[in-house]
């Protein structure tokens, strides 16, 4: 549960620490830490793409000298990414607390593992 909620507070660092320290002791903890870590890395990539879109649209807006501030366009995307990250992390924490095997539906599987559940 901590690895899911820790991702909200500290990104991928806490899930990585749990994965490396506690993962060899318990397959359930390893599974949830791996899932949280995969999701946080995916979230980081999506967030960085959003930042690139923001700055790209900002510079295009400034260069075109238009009256519409185009750099505001990606802001709803940032909100969606942020709320989605919080929501999925809470869902993972609840499932881990209920002792259920759970996988994030929108995560790239950087760390592969055994099928669980």
PDB file of N, CA and C in Angstrom:
ATOM      1  N   UNK A   1       0.830  -1.186   0.000  1.00  0.00           N
ATOM      2  CA  UNK A   1       0.000   0.000   0.000  1.00  0.00           C
ATOM      3  C   UNK A   1       0.878   1.255   0.000  1.00  0.00           C
ATOM      4  N   UNK A   2       1.954   1.215   0.740  1.00  0.00           N
ATOM      5  CA  UNK A   2       2.838   2.375   0.836  1.00  0.00           C
ATOM      6  C   UNK A   2       3.495   2.674  -0.518  1.00  0.00           C
ATOM      7  N   UNK A   3       3.806   1.645  -1.275  1.00  0.00           N
ATOM      8  CA  UNK A   3       4.457   1.899  -2.564  1.00  0.00           C
ATOM      9  C   UNK A   3       3.517   2.623  -3.524  1.00  0.00           C
ATOM     10  N   UNK A   4       2.214   2.331  -3.458  1.00  0.00           N
ATOM     11  CA  UNK A   4       1.260   3.036  -4.317  1.00  0.00           C
ATOM     12  C   UNK A   4       1.115   4.493  -3.890  1.00  0.00           C
ATOM     13  N   UNK A   5       0.905   4.707  -2.607  1.00  0.00           N
ATOM     14  CA  UNK A   5       0.729   6.078  -2.113  1.00  0.00           C
ATOM     15  C   UNK A   5       2.045   6.845  -2.097  1.00  0.00           C
ATOM     16  N   UNK A   6       3.143   6.141  -1.933  1.00  0.00           N
ATOM     17  CA  UNK A   6       4.448   6.786  -1.949  1.00  0.00           C
ATOM     18  C   UNK A   6       4.785   7.359  -3.308  1.00  0.00           C
ATOM     19  N   UNK A   7       4.224   6.774  -4.357  1.00  0.00           N
ATOM     20  CA  UNK A   7       4.437   7.303  -5.689  1.00  0.00           C
ATOM     21  C   UNK A   7       3.845   8.680  -5.866  1.00  0.00           C
ATOM     22  N   UNK A   8       2.743   8.942  -5.172  1.00  0.00           N
ATOM     23  CA  UNK A   8       2.110  10.258  -5.246  1.00  0.00           C
ATOM     24  C   UNK A   8       3.005  11.302  -4.586  1.00  0.00           C
ATOM     25  N   UNK A   9       3.613  10.940  -3.483  1.00  0.00           N
ATOM     26  CA  UNK A   9       4.417  11.906  -2.722  1.00  0.00           C
ATOM     27  C   UNK A   9       5.846  12.029  -3.259  1.00  0.00           C
ATOM     28  N   UNK A  10       6.424  10.916  -3.692  1.00  0.00           N
ATOM     29  CA  UNK A  10       7.833  10.973  -4.050  1.00  0.00           C
ATOM     30  C   UNK A  10       8.185  10.403  -5.401  1.00  0.00           C
ATOM     31  N   UNK A  11       7.211  10.264  -6.274  1.00  0.00           N
ATOM     32  CA  UNK A  11       7.497   9.731  -7.597  1.00  0.00           C
ATOM     33  C   UNK A  11       7.855   8.258  -7.547  1.00  0.00           C
ATOM     34  N   UNK A  12       8.862   7.877  -8.279  1.00  0.00           N
ATOM     35  CA  UNK A  12       9.225   6.469  -8.371  1.00  0.00           C
ATOM     36  C   UNK A  12      10.231   6.032  -7.307  1.00  0.00           C
ATOM     37  N   UNK A  13      10.716   6.939  -6.480  1.00  0.00           N
ATOM     38  CA  UNK A  13      11.771   6.614  -5.506  1.00  0.00           C
ATOM     39  C   UNK A  13      11.287   5.629  -4.439  1.00  0.00           C
ATOM     40  N   UNK A  14      10.157   5.890  -3.808  1.00  0.00           N
ATOM     41  CA  UNK A  14       9.675   4.998  -2.750  1.00  0.00           C
ATOM     42  C   UNK A  14       9.271   3.628  -3.296  1.00  0.00           C
ATOM     43  N   UNK A  15       8.526   3.543  -4.412  1.00  0.00           N
ATOM     44  CA  UNK A  15       8.265   2.205  -4.949  1.00  0.00           C
ATOM     45  C   UNK A  15       9.544   1.443  -5.315  1.00  0.00           C
ATOM     46  N   UNK A  16      10.552   2.154  -5.823  1.00  0.00           N
ATOM     47  CA  UNK A  16      11.824   1.507  -6.150  1.00  0.00           C
ATOM     48  C   UNK A  16      12.509   0.984  -4.889  1.00  0.00           C
ATOM     49  N   UNK A  17      12.510   1.785  -3.834  1.00  0.00           N
ATOM     50  CA  UNK A  17      13.134   1.359  -2.574  1.00  0.00           C
ATOM     51  C   UNK A  17      12.419   0.136  -1.999  1.00  0.00           C
ATOM     52  N   UNK A  18      11.104   0.123  -2.050  1.00  0.00           N
ATOM     53  CA  UNK A  18      10.351  -1.028  -1.541  1.00  0.00           C
ATOM     54  C   UNK A  18      10.593  -2.243  -2.426  1.00  0.00           C
ATOM     55  N   UNK A  19      10.616  -2.034  -3.726  1.00  0.00           N
ATOM     56  CA  UNK A  19      10.857  -3.130  -4.660  1.00  0.00           C
ATOM     57  C   UNK A  19      12.218  -3.779  -4.403  1.00  0.00           C
ATOM     58  N   UNK A  20      13.230  -2.956  -4.180  1.00  0.00           N
ATOM     59  CA  UNK A  20      14.581  -3.489  -3.977  1.00  0.00           C
ATOM     60  C   UNK A  20      14.791  -4.070  -2.586  1.00  0.00           C
ATOM     61  N   UNK A  21      14.156  -3.494  -1.569  1.00  0.00           N
ATOM     62  CA  UNK A  21      14.418  -3.960  -0.205  1.00  0.00           C
ATOM     63  C   UNK A  21      13.471  -5.060   0.257  1.00  0.00           C
ATOM     64  N   UNK A  22      12.201  -4.926  -0.020  1.00  0.00           N
ATOM     65  CA  UNK A  22      11.227  -5.881   0.495  1.00  0.00           C
ATOM     66  C   UNK A  22      10.751  -6.886  -0.549  1.00  0.00           C
ATOM     67  N   UNK A  23      11.072  -6.632  -1.800  1.00  0.00           N
ATOM     68  CA  UNK A  23      10.570  -7.469  -2.882  1.00  0.00           C
ATOM     69  C   UNK A  23      11.006  -8.919  -2.836  1.00  0.00           C
ATOM     70  N   UNK A  24      12.192  -9.196  -2.320  1.00  0.00           N
ATOM     71  CA  UNK A  24      12.677 -10.569  -2.258  1.00  0.00           C
ATOM     72  C   UNK A  24      12.040 -11.359  -1.126  1.00  0.00           C
ATOM     73  N   UNK A  25      11.418 -10.689  -0.185  1.00  0.00           N
ATOM     74  CA  UNK A  25      10.844 -11.356   0.978  1.00  0.00           C
ATOM     75  C   UNK A  25       9.405 -11.811   0.761  1.00  0.00           C
ATOM     76  N   UNK A  26       8.660 -11.058  -0.058  1.00  0.00           N
ATOM     77  CA  UNK A  26       7.229 -11.314  -0.180  1.00  0.00           C
ATOM     78  C   UNK A  26       6.806 -11.052  -1.625  1.00  0.00           C
ATOM     79  N   UNK A  27       6.221 -12.052  -2.271  1.00  0.00           N
ATOM     80  CA  UNK A  27       5.835 -11.890  -3.677  1.00  0.00           C
ATOM     81  C   UNK A  27       4.688 -10.899  -3.840  1.00  0.00           C
ATOM     82  N   UNK A  28       3.821 -10.795  -2.853  1.00  0.00           N
ATOM     83  CA  UNK A  28       2.713  -9.837  -2.921  1.00  0.00           C
ATOM     84  C   UNK A  28       3.236  -8.400  -2.874  1.00  0.00           C
ATOM     85  N   UNK A  29       4.167  -8.140  -1.964  1.00  0.00           N
ATOM     86  CA  UNK A  29       4.782  -6.810  -1.863  1.00  0.00           C
ATOM     87  C   UNK A  29       5.570  -6.520  -3.128  1.00  0.00           C
ATOM     88  N   UNK A  30       6.280  -7.505  -3.638  1.00  0.00           N
ATOM     89  CA  UNK A  30       7.057  -7.324  -4.863  1.00  0.00           C
ATOM     90  C   UNK A  30       6.142  -6.954  -6.032  1.00  0.00           C
ATOM     91  N   UNK A  31       5.024  -7.645  -6.143  1.00  0.00           N
ATOM     92  CA  UNK A  31       4.076  -7.366  -7.231  1.00  0.00           C
ATOM     93  C   UNK A  31       3.564  -5.928  -7.156  1.00  0.00           C
ATOM     94  N   UNK A  32       3.112  -5.509  -5.993  1.00  0.00           N
ATOM     95  CA  UNK A  32       2.549  -4.163  -5.867  1.00  0.00           C
ATOM     96  C   UNK A  32       3.618  -3.076  -6.005  1.00  0.00           C
ATOM     97  N   UNK A  33       4.796  -3.333  -5.497  1.00  0.00           N
ATOM     98  CA  UNK A  33       5.881  -2.355  -5.671  1.00  0.00           C
ATOM     99  C   UNK A  33       6.270  -2.254  -7.138  1.00  0.00           C
ATOM    100  N   UNK A  34       6.317  -3.388  -7.834  1.00  0.00           N
ATOM    101  CA  UNK A  34       6.638  -3.387  -9.261  1.00  0.00           C
ATOM    102  C   UNK A  34       5.566  -2.652 -10.058  1.00  0.00           C
ATOM    103  N   UNK A  35       4.311  -2.893  -9.741  1.00  0.00           N
ATOM    104  CA  UNK A  35       3.217  -2.207 -10.429  1.00  0.00           C
ATOM    105  C   UNK A  35       3.274  -0.695 -10.190  1.00  0.00           C
ATOM    106  N   UNK A  36       3.503  -0.303  -8.944  1.00  0.00           N
ATOM    107  CA  UNK A  36       3.591   1.126  -8.624  1.00  0.00           C
ATOM    108  C   UNK A  36       4.790   1.757  -9.323  1.00  0.00           C
ATOM    109  N   UNK A  37       5.894   1.050  -9.363  1.00  0.00           N
ATOM    110  CA  UNK A  37       7.091   1.566 -10.019  1.00  0.00           C
ATOM    111  C   UNK A  37       6.870   1.705 -11.527  1.00  0.00           C
ATOM    112  N   UNK A  38       6.289   0.695 -12.148  1.00  0.00           N
ATOM    113  CA  UNK A  38       5.990   0.778 -13.580  1.00  0.00           C
ATOM    114  C   UNK A  38       5.065   1.957 -13.876  1.00  0.00           C
ATOM    115  N   UNK A  39       4.054   2.127 -13.039  1.00  0.00           N
ATOM    116  CA  UNK A  39       3.116   3.220 -13.270  1.00  0.00           C
ATOM    117  C   UNK A  39       3.780   4.579 -13.081  1.00  0.00           C
ATOM    118  N   UNK A  40       4.599   4.719 -12.069  1.00  0.00           N
ATOM    119  CA  UNK A  40       5.241   6.003 -11.818  1.00  0.00           C
ATOM    120  C   UNK A  40       6.233   6.362 -12.920  1.00  0.00           C
ATOM    121  N   UNK A  41       6.916   5.372 -13.474  1.00  0.00           N
ATOM    122  CA  UNK A  41       7.822   5.652 -14.592  1.00  0.00           C
ATOM    123  C   UNK A  41       7.014   6.056 -15.819  1.00  0.00           C
ATOM    124  N   UNK A  42       5.906   5.357 -16.073  1.00  0.00           N
ATOM    125  CA  UNK A  42       5.021   5.716 -17.179  1.00  0.00           C
ATOM    126  C   UNK A  42       4.478   7.127 -16.991  1.00  0.00           C
ATOM    127  N   UNK A  43       4.060   7.438 -15.769  1.00  0.00           N
ATOM    128  CA  UNK A  43       3.534   8.766 -15.453  1.00  0.00           C
ATOM    129  C   UNK A  43       4.601   9.836 -15.697  1.00  0.00           C
ATOM    130  N   UNK A  44       5.824   9.558 -15.303  1.00  0.00           N
ATOM    131  CA  UNK A  44       6.913  10.514 -15.511  1.00  0.00           C
ATOM    132  C   UNK A  44       7.129  10.790 -16.998  1.00  0.00           C
ATOM    133  N   UNK A  45       7.099   9.755 -17.805  1.00  0.00           N
ATOM    134  CA  UNK A  45       7.272   9.925 -19.254  1.00  0.00           C
ATOM    135  C   UNK A  45       6.138  10.766 -19.830  1.00  0.00           C
ATOM    136  N   UNK A  46       4.904  10.451 -19.454  1.00  0.00           N
ATOM    137  CA  UNK A  46       3.746  11.202 -19.952  1.00  0.00           C
ATOM    138  C   UNK A  46       3.817  12.658 -19.490  1.00  0.00           C
ATOM    139  N   UNK A  47       4.228  12.866 -18.251  1.00  0.00           N
ATOM    140  CA  UNK A  47       4.351  14.223 -17.721  1.00  0.00           C
ATOM    141  C   UNK A  47       5.411  15.014 -18.486  1.00  0.00           C
ATOM    142  N   UNK A  48       6.538  14.390 -18.769  1.00  0.00           N
ATOM    143  CA  UNK A  48       7.598  15.079 -19.507  1.00  0.00           C
ATOM    144  C   UNK A  48       7.159  15.415 -20.934  1.00  0.00           C
ATOM    145  N   UNK A  49       6.373  14.548 -21.551  1.00  0.00           N
ATOM    146  CA  UNK A  49       5.817  14.854 -22.871  1.00  0.00           C
ATOM    147  C   UNK A  49       4.875  16.049 -22.755  1.00  0.00           C
ATOM    148  N   UNK A  50       4.085  16.081 -21.689  1.00  0.00           N
ATOM    149  CA  UNK A  50       3.198  17.224 -21.460  1.00  0.00           C
ATOM    150  C   UNK A  50       3.967  18.522 -21.270  1.00  0.00           C
ATOM    151  N   UNK A  51       5.068  18.469 -20.547  1.00  0.00           N
ATOM    152  CA  UNK A  51       5.905  19.663 -20.358  1.00  0.00           C
ATOM    153  C   UNK A  51       6.478  20.121 -21.698  1.00  0.00           C
ATOM    154  N   UNK A  52       6.907  19.168 -22.515  1.00  0.00           N
ATOM    155  CA  UNK A  52       7.431  19.524 -23.840  1.00  0.00           C
ATOM    156  C   UNK A  52       6.337  20.171 -24.693  1.00  0.00           C
ATOM    157  N   UNK A  53       5.114  19.641 -24.620  1.00  0.00           N
ATOM    158  CA  UNK A  53       4.000  20.255 -25.347  1.00  0.00           C
ATOM    159  C   UNK A  53       3.718  21.664 -24.852  1.00  0.00           C
ATOM    160  N   UNK A  54       3.786  21.838 -23.537  1.00  0.00           N
ATOM    161  CA  UNK A  54       3.534  23.154 -22.956  1.00  0.00           C
ATOM    162  C   UNK A  54       4.549  24.176 -23.470  1.00  0.00           C
ATOM    163  N   UNK A  55       5.834  23.835 -23.355  1.00  0.00           N
ATOM    164  CA  UNK A  55       6.856  24.784 -23.784  1.00  0.00           C
ATOM    165  C   UNK A  55       6.844  24.972 -25.298  1.00  0.00           C
ATOM    166  N   UNK A  56       6.577  23.909 -26.038  1.00  0.00           N
ATOM    167  CA  UNK A  56       6.477  24.045 -27.484  1.00  0.00           C
ATOM    168  C   UNK A  56       5.347  24.973 -27.887  1.00  0.00           C
ATOM    169  N   UNK A  57       4.176  24.805 -27.254  1.00  0.00           N
ATOM    170  CA  UNK A  57       3.056  25.680 -27.581  1.00  0.00           C
ATOM    171  C   UNK A  57       3.297  27.102 -27.075  1.00  0.00           C
ATOM    172  N   UNK A  58       4.033  27.239 -25.980  1.00  0.00           N
ATOM    173  CA  UNK A  58       4.365  28.568 -25.465  1.00  0.00           C
ATOM    174  C   UNK A  58       5.240  29.316 -26.473  1.00  0.00           C
ATOM    175  N   UNK A  59       6.292  28.645 -26.934  1.00  0.00           N
ATOM    176  CA  UNK A  59       7.193  29.308 -27.874  1.00  0.00           C
ATOM    177  C   UNK A  59       6.513  29.574 -29.214  1.00  0.00           C
ATOM    178  N   UNK A  60       5.635  28.675 -29.654  1.00  0.00           N
ATOM    179  CA  UNK A  60       4.884  28.930 -30.887  1.00  0.00           C
ATOM    180  C   UNK A  60       3.936  30.108 -30.716  1.00  0.00           C
ATOM    181  N   UNK A  61       3.339  30.220 -29.538  1.00  0.00           N
ATOM    182  CA  UNK A  61       2.427  31.324 -29.264  1.00  0.00           C
ATOM    183  C   UNK A  61       3.173  32.654 -29.263  1.00  0.00           C
ATOM    184  N   UNK A  62       4.345  32.673 -28.657  1.00  0.00           N
ATOM    185  CA  UNK A  62       5.141  33.895 -28.610  1.00  0.00           C
ATOM    186  C   UNK A  62       5.657  34.242 -30.011  1.00  0.00           C
ATOM    187  N   UNK A  63       6.094  33.236 -30.745  1.00  0.00           N
ATOM    188  CA  UNK A  63       6.662  33.477 -32.073  1.00  0.00           C
ATOM    189  C   UNK A  63       5.599  33.945 -33.072  1.00  0.00           C
ATOM    190  N   UNK A  64       4.375  33.458 -32.930  1.00  0.00           N
ATOM    191  CA  UNK A  64       3.335  33.841 -33.887  1.00  0.00           C
ATOM    192  C   UNK A  64       2.717  35.188 -33.559  1.00  0.00           C
ATOM    193  N   UNK A  65       2.981  35.691 -32.377  1.00  0.00           N
ATOM    194  CA  UNK A  65       2.488  37.000 -31.948  1.00  0.00           C
ATOM    195  C   UNK A  65       0.956  37.083 -32.050  1.00  0.00           C
ATOM    196  N   UNK A  66       0.298  35.970 -31.690  1.00  0.00           N
ATOM    197  CA  UNK A  66      -1.162  35.964 -31.736  1.00  0.00           C
ATOM    198  C   UNK A  66      -1.720  36.464 -30.407  1.00  0.00           C
ATOM    199  N   UNK A  67      -2.970  36.853 -30.436  1.00  0.00           N
ATOM    200  CA  UNK A  67      -3.591  37.350 -29.209  1.00  0.00           C
ATOM    201  C   UNK A  67      -4.039  36.196 -28.311  1.00  0.00           C
ATOM    202  N   UNK A  68      -4.198  34.996 -28.887  1.00  0.00           N
ATOM    203  CA  UNK A  68      -4.595  33.830 -28.082  1.00  0.00           C
ATOM    204  C   UNK A  68      -3.360  33.196 -27.459  1.00  0.00           C
ATOM    205  N   UNK A  69      -3.337  33.084 -26.143  1.00  0.00           N
ATOM    206  CA  UNK A  69      -2.181  32.433 -25.500  1.00  0.00           C
ATOM    207  C   UNK A  69      -2.272  30.921 -25.668  1.00  0.00           C
ATOM    208  N   UNK A  70      -1.676  30.400 -26.710  1.00  0.00           N
ATOM    209  CA  UNK A  70      -1.763  28.982 -27.026  1.00  0.00           C
ATOM    210  C   UNK A  70      -1.135  28.073 -26.002  1.00  0.00           C
ATOM    211  N   UNK A  71      -0.266  28.617 -25.175  1.00  0.00           N
ATOM    212  CA  UNK A  71       0.382  27.769 -24.178  1.00  0.00           C
ATOM    213  C   UNK A  71      -0.589  27.320 -23.093  1.00  0.00           C
ATOM    214  N   UNK A  72      -1.798  27.879 -23.040  1.00  0.00           N
ATOM    215  CA  UNK A  72      -2.794  27.443 -22.064  1.00  0.00           C
ATOM    216  C   UNK A  72      -3.438  26.127 -22.497  1.00  0.00           C
ATOM    217  N   UNK A  73      -3.357  25.810 -23.772  1.00  0.00           N
ATOM    218  CA  UNK A  73      -4.005  24.613 -24.317  1.00  0.00           C
ATOM    219  C   UNK A  73      -3.608  23.316 -23.604  1.00  0.00           C
ATOM    220  N   UNK A  74      -2.336  23.067 -23.286  1.00  0.00           N
ATOM    221  CA  UNK A  74      -1.989  21.805 -22.621  1.00  0.00           C
ATOM    222  C   UNK A  74      -2.376  21.739 -21.133  1.00  0.00           C
ATOM    223  N   UNK A  75      -2.830  22.814 -20.544  1.00  0.00           N
ATOM    224  CA  UNK A  75      -3.138  22.797 -19.109  1.00  0.00           C
ATOM    225  C   UNK A  75      -4.217  21.782 -18.737  1.00  0.00           C
ATOM    226  N   UNK A  76      -5.288  21.608 -19.516  1.00  0.00           N
ATOM    227  CA  UNK A  76      -6.233  20.529 -19.180  1.00  0.00           C
ATOM    228  C   UNK A  76      -5.588  19.147 -19.229  1.00  0.00           C
ATOM    229  N   UNK A  77      -4.618  18.980 -20.118  1.00  0.00           N
ATOM    230  CA  UNK A  77      -3.895  17.711 -20.186  1.00  0.00           C
ATOM    231  C   UNK A  77      -3.131  17.462 -18.891  1.00  0.00           C
ATOM    232  N   UNK A  78      -2.482  18.493 -18.360  1.00  0.00           N
ATOM    233  CA  UNK A  78      -1.776  18.351 -17.084  1.00  0.00           C
ATOM    234  C   UNK A  78      -2.735  17.951 -15.967  1.00  0.00           C
ATOM    235  N   UNK A  79      -3.908  18.561 -15.934  1.00  0.00           N
ATOM    236  CA  UNK A  79      -4.902  18.226 -14.910  1.00  0.00           C
ATOM    237  C   UNK A  79      -5.344  16.777 -15.035  1.00  0.00           C
ATOM    238  N   UNK A  80      -5.606  16.344 -16.247  1.00  0.00           N
ATOM    239  CA  UNK A  80      -6.030  14.967 -16.480  1.00  0.00           C
ATOM    240  C   UNK A  80      -4.943  13.980 -16.061  1.00  0.00           C
ATOM    241  N   UNK A  81      -3.714  14.274 -16.413  1.00  0.00           N
ATOM    242  CA  UNK A  81      -2.594  13.406 -16.038  1.00  0.00           C
ATOM    243  C   UNK A  81      -2.447  13.348 -14.522  1.00  0.00           C
ATOM    244  N   UNK A  82      -2.519  14.485 -13.883  1.00  0.00           N
ATOM    245  CA  UNK A  82      -2.320  14.545 -12.431  1.00  0.00           C
ATOM    246  C   UNK A  82      -3.443  13.825 -11.680  1.00  0.00           C
ATOM    247  N   UNK A  83      -4.694  14.127 -12.029  1.00  0.00           N
ATOM    248  CA  UNK A  83      -5.821  13.477 -11.348  1.00  0.00           C
ATOM    249  C   UNK A  83      -5.850  11.976 -11.645  1.00  0.00           C
ATOM    250  N   UNK A  84      -5.485  11.596 -12.859  1.00  0.00           N
ATOM    251  CA  UNK A  84      -5.422  10.172 -13.186  1.00  0.00           C
ATOM    252  C   UNK A  84      -4.371   9.453 -12.366  1.00  0.00           C
ATOM    253  N   UNK A  85      -3.231  10.076 -12.200  1.00  0.00           N
ATOM    254  CA  UNK A  85      -2.167   9.480 -11.391  1.00  0.00           C
ATOM    255  C   UNK A  85      -2.602   9.293  -9.947  1.00  0.00           C
ATOM    256  N   UNK A  86      -3.218  10.313  -9.386  1.00  0.00           N
ATOM    257  CA  UNK A  86      -3.687  10.219  -7.995  1.00  0.00           C
ATOM    258  C   UNK A  86      -4.763   9.140  -7.875  1.00  0.00           C
ATOM    259  N   UNK A  87      -5.706   9.150  -8.807  1.00  0.00           N
ATOM    260  CA  UNK A  87      -6.807   8.186  -8.753  1.00  0.00           C
ATOM    261  C   UNK A  87      -6.331   6.747  -8.866  1.00  0.00           C
ATOM    262  N   UNK A  88      -5.463   6.476  -9.850  1.00  0.00           N
ATOM    263  CA  UNK A  88      -4.964   5.108 -10.010  1.00  0.00           C
ATOM    264  C   UNK A  88      -4.101   4.685  -8.823  1.00  0.00           C
ATOM    265  N   UNK A  89      -3.336   5.609  -8.265  1.00  0.00           N
ATOM    266  CA  UNK A  89      -2.510   5.279  -7.099  1.00  0.00           C
ATOM    267  C   UNK A  89      -3.376   4.940  -5.899  1.00  0.00           C
ATOM    268  N   UNK A  90      -4.457   5.668  -5.706  1.00  0.00           N
ATOM    269  CA  UNK A  90      -5.375   5.366  -4.607  1.00  0.00           C
ATOM    270  C   UNK A  90      -6.043   4.016  -4.831  1.00  0.00           C
ATOM    271  N   UNK A  91      -6.439   3.752  -6.079  1.00  0.00           N
ATOM    272  CA  UNK A  91      -7.048   2.455  -6.378  1.00  0.00           C
ATOM    273  C   UNK A  91      -6.073   1.315  -6.080  1.00  0.00           C
ATOM    274  N   UNK A  92      -4.811   1.491  -6.456  1.00  0.00           N
ATOM    275  CA  UNK A  92      -3.809   0.467  -6.168  1.00  0.00           C
ATOM    276  C   UNK A  92      -3.599   0.279  -4.677  1.00  0.00           C
ATOM    277  N   UNK A  93      -3.575   1.369  -3.933  1.00  0.00           N
ATOM    278  CA  UNK A  93      -3.389   1.277  -2.480  1.00  0.00           C
ATOM    279  C   UNK A  93      -4.566   0.571  -1.824  1.00  0.00           C
ATOM    280  N   UNK A  94      -5.771   0.872  -2.282  1.00  0.00           N
ATOM    281  CA  UNK A  94      -6.960   0.211  -1.714  1.00  0.00           C
ATOM    282  C   UNK A  94      -6.919  -1.279  -2.007  1.00  0.00           C
ATOM    283  N   UNK A  95      -6.573  -1.645  -3.247  1.00  0.00           N
ATOM    284  CA  UNK A  95      -6.519  -3.066  -3.607  1.00  0.00           C
ATOM    285  C   UNK A  95      -5.418  -3.789  -2.826  1.00  0.00           C
ATOM    286  N   UNK A  96      -4.290  -3.139  -2.624  1.00  0.00           N
ATOM    287  CA  UNK A  96      -3.216  -3.753  -1.844  1.00  0.00           C
ATOM    288  C   UNK A  96      -3.646  -3.919  -0.397  1.00  0.00           C
ATOM    289  N   UNK A  97      -4.365  -2.934   0.132  1.00  0.00           N
ATOM    290  CA  UNK A  97      -4.848  -3.017   1.507  1.00  0.00           C
ATOM    291  C   UNK A  97      -5.883  -4.131   1.669  1.00  0.00           C
ATOM    292  N   UNK A  98      -6.630  -4.415   0.600  1.00  0.00           N
ATOM    293  CA  UNK A  98      -7.617  -5.493   0.625  1.00  0.00           C
ATOM    294  C   UNK A  98      -7.001  -6.843   0.261  1.00  0.00           C
ATOM    295  N   UNK A  99      -5.695  -6.889   0.132  1.00  0.00           N
ATOM    296  CA  UNK A  99      -4.934  -8.100  -0.205  1.00  0.00           C
ATOM    297  C   UNK A  99      -5.369  -8.677  -1.547  1.00  0.00           C
ATOM    298  N   UNK A 100      -5.588  -7.809  -2.517  1.00  0.00           N
ATOM    299  CA  UNK A 100      -5.949  -8.218  -3.869  1.00  0.00           C
ATOM    300  C   UNK A 100      -4.779  -7.934  -4.795  1.00  0.00           C
ATOM    301  N   UNK A 101      -4.557  -8.844  -5.739  1.00  0.00           N
ATOM    302  CA  UNK A 101      -3.558  -8.613  -6.775  1.00  0.00           C
ATOM    303  C   UNK A 101      -4.176  -7.632  -7.758  1.00  0.00           C
ATOM    304  N   UNK A 102      -3.420  -6.618  -8.148  1.00  0.00           N
ATOM    305  CA  UNK A 102      -3.975  -5.586  -9.022  1.00  0.00           C
ATOM    306  C   UNK A 102      -2.901  -5.058  -9.947  1.00  0.00           C
ATOM    307  N   UNK A 103      -3.311  -4.730 -11.181  1.00  0.00           N
ATOM    308  CA  UNK A 103      -2.398  -4.134 -12.160  1.00  0.00           C
ATOM    309  C   UNK A 103      -2.968  -2.807 -12.612  1.00  0.00           C
ATOM    310  N   UNK A 104      -2.094  -1.838 -12.783  1.00  0.00           N
ATOM    311  CA  UNK A 104      -2.506  -0.544 -13.331  1.00  0.00           C
ATOM    312  C   UNK A 104      -2.941  -0.746 -14.777  1.00  0.00           C
ATOM    313  N   UNK A 105      -4.080  -0.209 -15.157  1.00  0.00           N
ATOM    314  CA  UNK A 105      -4.540  -0.420 -16.533  1.00  0.00           C
ATOM    315  C   UNK A 105      -3.753   0.378 -17.569  1.00  0.00           C
ATOM    316  N   UNK A 106      -3.135   1.476 -17.174  1.00  0.00           N
ATOM    317  CA  UNK A 106      -2.425   2.340 -18.122  1.00  0.00           C
ATOM    318  C   UNK A 106      -0.960   2.475 -17.730  1.00  0.00           C
ATOM    319  N   UNK A 107      -0.233   1.382 -17.779  1.00  0.00           N
ATOM    320  CA  UNK A 107       1.179   1.442 -17.412  1.00  0.00           C
ATOM    321  C   UNK A 107       1.988   0.602 -18.386  1.00  0.00           C
ATOM    322  N   UNK A 108       3.147   1.116 -18.740  1.00  0.00           N
ATOM    323  CA  UNK A 108       4.086   0.349 -19.555  1.00  0.00           C
ATOM    324  C   UNK A 108       4.828  -0.581 -18.608  1.00  0.00           C
ATOM    325  N   UNK A 109       4.937  -1.832 -18.962  1.00  0.00           N
ATOM    326  CA  UNK A 109       5.577  -2.837 -18.096  1.00  0.00           C
ATOM    327  C   UNK A 109       7.095  -2.833 -18.319  1.00  0.00           C
ATOM    328  N   UNK A 110       7.775  -1.896 -17.669  1.00  0.00           N
ATOM    329  CA  UNK A 110       9.230  -1.837 -17.757  1.00  0.00           C
ATOM    330  C   UNK A 110       9.857  -2.997 -16.990  1.00  0.00           C
ATOM    331  N   UNK A 111       9.313  -3.264 -15.808  1.00  0.00           N
ATOM    332  CA  UNK A 111       9.775  -4.387 -14.997  1.00  0.00           C
ATOM    333  C   UNK A 111       8.771  -5.512 -15.167  1.00  0.00           C
ATOM    334  N   UNK A 112       9.218  -6.590 -15.747  1.00  0.00           N
ATOM    335  CA  UNK A 112       8.341  -7.741 -15.971  1.00  0.00           C
ATOM    336  C   UNK A 112       8.356  -8.611 -14.725  1.00  0.00           C
ATOM    337  N   UNK A 113       7.270  -9.322 -14.550  1.00  0.00           N
ATOM    338  CA  UNK A 113       7.209 -10.231 -13.405  1.00  0.00           C
ATOM    339  C   UNK A 113       6.248 -11.356 -13.700  1.00  0.00           C
ATOM    340  N   UNK A 114       6.173 -12.242 -12.731  1.00  0.00           N
ATOM    341  CA  UNK A 114       5.298 -13.389 -12.876  1.00  0.00           C
ATOM    342  C   UNK A 114       3.838 -12.915 -12.845  1.00  0.00           C
ATOM    343  N   UNK A 115       2.997 -13.657 -13.521  1.00  0.00           N
ATOM    344  CA  UNK A 115       1.565 -13.360 -13.504  1.00  0.00           C
ATOM    345  C   UNK A 115       1.058 -13.616 -12.097  1.00  0.00           C
ATOM    346  N   UNK A 116       0.270 -12.702 -11.615  1.00  0.00           N
ATOM    347  CA  UNK A 116      -0.192 -12.785 -10.227  1.00  0.00           C
ATOM    348  C   UNK A 116      -1.692 -12.943 -10.180  1.00  0.00           C
ATOM    349  N   UNK A 117      -2.137 -13.418  -9.045  1.00  0.00           N
ATOM    350  CA  UNK A 117      -3.566 -13.460  -8.776  1.00  0.00           C
ATOM    351  C   UNK A 117      -4.178 -14.698  -9.253  1.00  0.00           C
TER     352      UNK A 117
END
